[in-house]
Amino acid sequence: MGPTQTPPRKDPLPNPVRPGTSPVAPRAAEPGHRSRHLWLGLIPAMLALVIMLVFIFQNLRETTVSFLGFSGAAPLGLALVAAALLGGIVVFGLGSVRIVQLRKLARTQGRGL
């Protein structure tokens, strides 16, 4: 058998549709299944948002923020949350680069076998 040939079928061919009858459609996935998971995923996100808002509103004292020669005033809670988000973006970017490197390495090692 060549690389473009498919192996022979082991299961019988499906029954043809008889005249006057409608074909039976395959059963679709449960309609509410995906939306249920979406809502379950939103619960921790909403909880984190509430905790973050409480943190920001409890730390509204104005503070001076300086970075790379730029300086400005911002509420302390907002400055800390902005710094955490910026750190998360940096970690996400570096992690993504590393994942791409590892996938490329795995692909080249897989060809060598």
C-alpha atoms as a PDB file:
ATOM      1  CA  MET A   1       0.000   0.000   0.000  1.00  0.00           C
ATOM      2  CA  GLY A   2       1.478   3.353  -1.060  1.00  0.00           C
ATOM      3  CA  PRO A   3       1.463   6.608   0.910  1.00  0.00           C
ATOM      4  CA  THR A   4      -1.555   7.965  -0.976  1.00  0.00           C
ATOM      5  CA  GLN A   5      -3.720   4.866  -0.643  1.00  0.00           C
ATOM      6  CA  THR A   6      -6.190   4.413   2.170  1.00  0.00           C
ATOM      7  CA  PRO A   7      -6.522   1.135   4.030  1.00  0.00           C
ATOM      8  CA  PRO A   8      -9.535  -1.019   3.140  1.00  0.00           C
ATOM      9  CA  ARG A   9     -12.728  -0.441   5.137  1.00  0.00           C
ATOM     10  CA  LYS A  10     -13.482  -2.974   7.819  1.00  0.00           C
ATOM     11  CA  ASP A  11     -16.958  -1.715   8.663  1.00  0.00           C
ATOM     12  CA  PRO A  12     -19.837  -2.170   6.190  1.00  0.00           C
ATOM     13  CA  LEU A  13     -20.926   0.735   4.057  1.00  0.00           C
ATOM     14  CA  PRO A  14     -23.845   2.722   5.458  1.00  0.00           C
ATOM     15  CA  ASN A  15     -27.332   1.761   4.323  1.00  0.00           C
ATOM     16  CA  PRO A  16     -28.639   3.877   1.460  1.00  0.00           C
ATOM     17  CA  VAL A  17     -31.670   6.048   2.092  1.00  0.00           C
ATOM     18  CA  ARG A  18     -34.847   4.436   0.822  1.00  0.00           C
ATOM     19  CA  PRO A  19     -37.191   6.535  -1.309  1.00  0.00           C
ATOM     20  CA  GLY A  20     -39.846   8.271   0.760  1.00  0.00           C
ATOM     21  CA  THR A  21     -37.784   8.299   3.968  1.00  0.00           C
ATOM     22  CA  SER A  22     -35.521  10.958   5.372  1.00  0.00           C
ATOM     23  CA  PRO A  23     -31.943  10.219   6.360  1.00  0.00           C
ATOM     24  CA  VAL A  24     -31.285  10.040  10.093  1.00  0.00           C
ATOM     25  CA  ALA A  25     -29.106  12.933  11.116  1.00  0.00           C
ATOM     26  CA  PRO A  26     -26.286  12.192  13.538  1.00  0.00           C
ATOM     27  CA  ARG A  27     -27.064  13.299  17.048  1.00  0.00           C
ATOM     28  CA  ALA A  28     -25.636  16.732  17.761  1.00  0.00           C
ATOM     29  CA  ALA A  29     -23.663  17.555  20.869  1.00  0.00           C
ATOM     30  CA  GLU A  30     -25.609  18.665  23.886  1.00  0.00           C
ATOM     31  CA  PRO A  31     -26.591  22.286  23.132  1.00  0.00           C
ATOM     32  CA  GLY A  32     -26.015  23.724  26.614  1.00  0.00           C
ATOM     33  CA  HIS A  33     -22.724  21.935  27.228  1.00  0.00           C
ATOM     34  CA  ARG A  34     -20.374  24.657  25.994  1.00  0.00           C
ATOM     35  CA  SER A  35     -22.309  27.515  27.516  1.00  0.00           C
ATOM     36  CA  ARG A  36     -22.302  25.741  30.890  1.00  0.00           C
ATOM     37  CA  HIS A  37     -18.504  25.581  30.833  1.00  0.00           C
ATOM     38  CA  LEU A  38     -18.347  29.222  29.793  1.00  0.00           C
ATOM     39  CA  TRP A  39     -20.436  30.279  32.766  1.00  0.00           C
ATOM     40  CA  LEU A  40     -18.414  28.100  35.138  1.00  0.00           C
ATOM     41  CA  GLY A  41     -15.256  29.758  33.827  1.00  0.00           C
ATOM     42  CA  LEU A  42     -16.693  33.230  34.352  1.00  0.00           C
ATOM     43  CA  ILE A  43     -17.354  32.679  38.051  1.00  0.00           C
ATOM     44  CA  PRO A  44     -13.660  32.758  39.113  1.00  0.00           C
ATOM     45  CA  ALA A  45     -13.034  35.699  36.766  1.00  0.00           C
ATOM     46  CA  MET A  46     -15.863  37.696  38.332  1.00  0.00           C
ATOM     47  CA  LEU A  47     -14.617  36.833  41.816  1.00  0.00           C
ATOM     48  CA  ALA A  48     -11.108  38.023  40.902  1.00  0.00           C
ATOM     49  CA  LEU A  49     -12.564  41.256  39.482  1.00  0.00           C
ATOM     50  CA  VAL A  50     -14.492  41.944  42.689  1.00  0.00           C
ATOM     51  CA  ILE A  51     -11.390  41.323  44.809  1.00  0.00           C
ATOM     52  CA  MET A  52      -9.342  43.611  42.544  1.00  0.00           C
ATOM     53  CA  LEU A  53     -11.959  46.394  42.729  1.00  0.00           C
ATOM     54  CA  VAL A  54     -12.078  46.159  46.534  1.00  0.00           C
ATOM     55  CA  PHE A  55      -8.271  46.426  46.586  1.00  0.00           C
ATOM     56  CA  ILE A  56      -8.301  49.480  44.320  1.00  0.00           C
ATOM     57  CA  PHE A  57     -11.048  51.266  46.271  1.00  0.00           C
ATOM     58  CA  GLN A  58      -9.271  50.644  49.594  1.00  0.00           C
ATOM     59  CA  ASN A  59      -6.026  52.123  48.213  1.00  0.00           C
ATOM     60  CA  LEU A  60      -7.157  55.392  46.643  1.00  0.00           C
ATOM     61  CA  ARG A  61      -4.384  57.461  48.224  1.00  0.00           C
ATOM     62  CA  GLU A  62      -2.541  59.445  45.567  1.00  0.00           C
ATOM     63  CA  THR A  63       1.110  58.483  45.028  1.00  0.00           C
ATOM     64  CA  THR A  64       3.888  59.522  42.671  1.00  0.00           C
ATOM     65  CA  VAL A  65       4.962  56.898  40.138  1.00  0.00           C
ATOM     66  CA  SER A  66       8.287  57.225  38.283  1.00  0.00           C
ATOM     67  CA  PHE A  67       9.435  54.946  35.465  1.00  0.00           C
ATOM     68  CA  LEU A  68      12.214  55.469  32.892  1.00  0.00           C
ATOM     69  CA  GLY A  69      12.312  59.216  33.464  1.00  0.00           C
ATOM     70  CA  PHE A  70       8.532  59.623  33.323  1.00  0.00           C
ATOM     71  CA  SER A  71       6.753  60.690  36.462  1.00  0.00           C
ATOM     72  CA  GLY A  72       3.104  61.132  37.368  1.00  0.00           C
ATOM     73  CA  ALA A  73       0.526  60.862  40.093  1.00  0.00           C
ATOM     74  CA  ALA A  74      -1.898  57.942  40.315  1.00  0.00           C
ATOM     75  CA  PRO A  75      -3.925  56.171  42.987  1.00  0.00           C
ATOM     76  CA  LEU A  76      -1.787  53.577  44.771  1.00  0.00           C
ATOM     77  CA  GLY A  77      -4.163  50.664  44.101  1.00  0.00           C
ATOM     78  CA  LEU A  78      -4.384  51.467  40.402  1.00  0.00           C
ATOM     79  CA  ALA A  79      -0.600  51.789  40.104  1.00  0.00           C
ATOM     80  CA  LEU A  80      -0.054  48.410  41.780  1.00  0.00           C
ATOM     81  CA  VAL A  81      -2.670  46.673  39.615  1.00  0.00           C
ATOM     82  CA  ALA A  82      -1.161  48.252  36.475  1.00  0.00           C
ATOM     83  CA  ALA A  83       2.301  47.026  37.519  1.00  0.00           C
ATOM     84  CA  ALA A  84       0.957  43.507  38.123  1.00  0.00           C
ATOM     85  CA  LEU A  85      -0.780  43.461  34.717  1.00  0.00           C
ATOM     86  CA  LEU A  86       2.384  44.683  32.997  1.00  0.00           C
ATOM     87  CA  GLY A  87       4.366  41.931  34.743  1.00  0.00           C
ATOM     88  CA  GLY A  88       1.788  39.360  33.653  1.00  0.00           C
ATOM     89  CA  ILE A  89       2.044  40.512  30.043  1.00  0.00           C
ATOM     90  CA  VAL A  90       5.841  40.187  30.148  1.00  0.00           C
ATOM     91  CA  VAL A  91       5.634  36.671  31.637  1.00  0.00           C
ATOM     92  CA  PHE A  92       3.006  35.662  29.047  1.00  0.00           C
ATOM     93  CA  GLY A  93       5.187  36.938  26.203  1.00  0.00           C
ATOM     94  CA  LEU A  94       8.327  35.172  27.407  1.00  0.00           C
ATOM     95  CA  GLY A  95       6.393  31.968  28.105  1.00  0.00           C
ATOM     96  CA  SER A  96       4.888  32.035  24.620  1.00  0.00           C
ATOM     97  CA  VAL A  97       8.327  32.398  23.044  1.00  0.00           C
ATOM     98  CA  ARG A  98       9.598  29.440  25.080  1.00  0.00           C
ATOM     99  CA  ILE A  99       6.627  27.266  24.082  1.00  0.00           C
ATOM    100  CA  VAL A 100       7.260  28.033  20.404  1.00  0.00           C
ATOM    101  CA  GLN A 101      10.926  27.092  20.870  1.00  0.00           C
ATOM    102  CA  LEU A 102      10.023  23.790  22.539  1.00  0.00           C
ATOM    103  CA  ARG A 103       7.469  22.907  19.848  1.00  0.00           C
ATOM    104  CA  LYS A 104      10.015  23.608  17.139  1.00  0.00           C
ATOM    105  CA  LEU A 105      12.571  21.440  18.943  1.00  0.00           C
ATOM    106  CA  ALA A 106      10.060  18.603  19.386  1.00  0.00           C
ATOM    107  CA  ARG A 107       9.120  18.786  15.705  1.00  0.00           C
ATOM    108  CA  THR A 108      12.741  18.559  14.552  1.00  0.00           C
ATOM    109  CA  GLN A 109      13.500  15.696  16.969  1.00  0.00           C
ATOM    110  CA  GLY A 110      10.383  13.876  15.810  1.00  0.00           C
ATOM    111  CA  ARG A 111      11.619  13.918  12.200  1.00  0.00           C
ATOM    112  CA  GLY A 112      14.982  12.480  13.183  1.00  0.00           C
ATOM    113  CA  LEU A 113      13.464   9.266  14.583  1.00  0.00           C
END
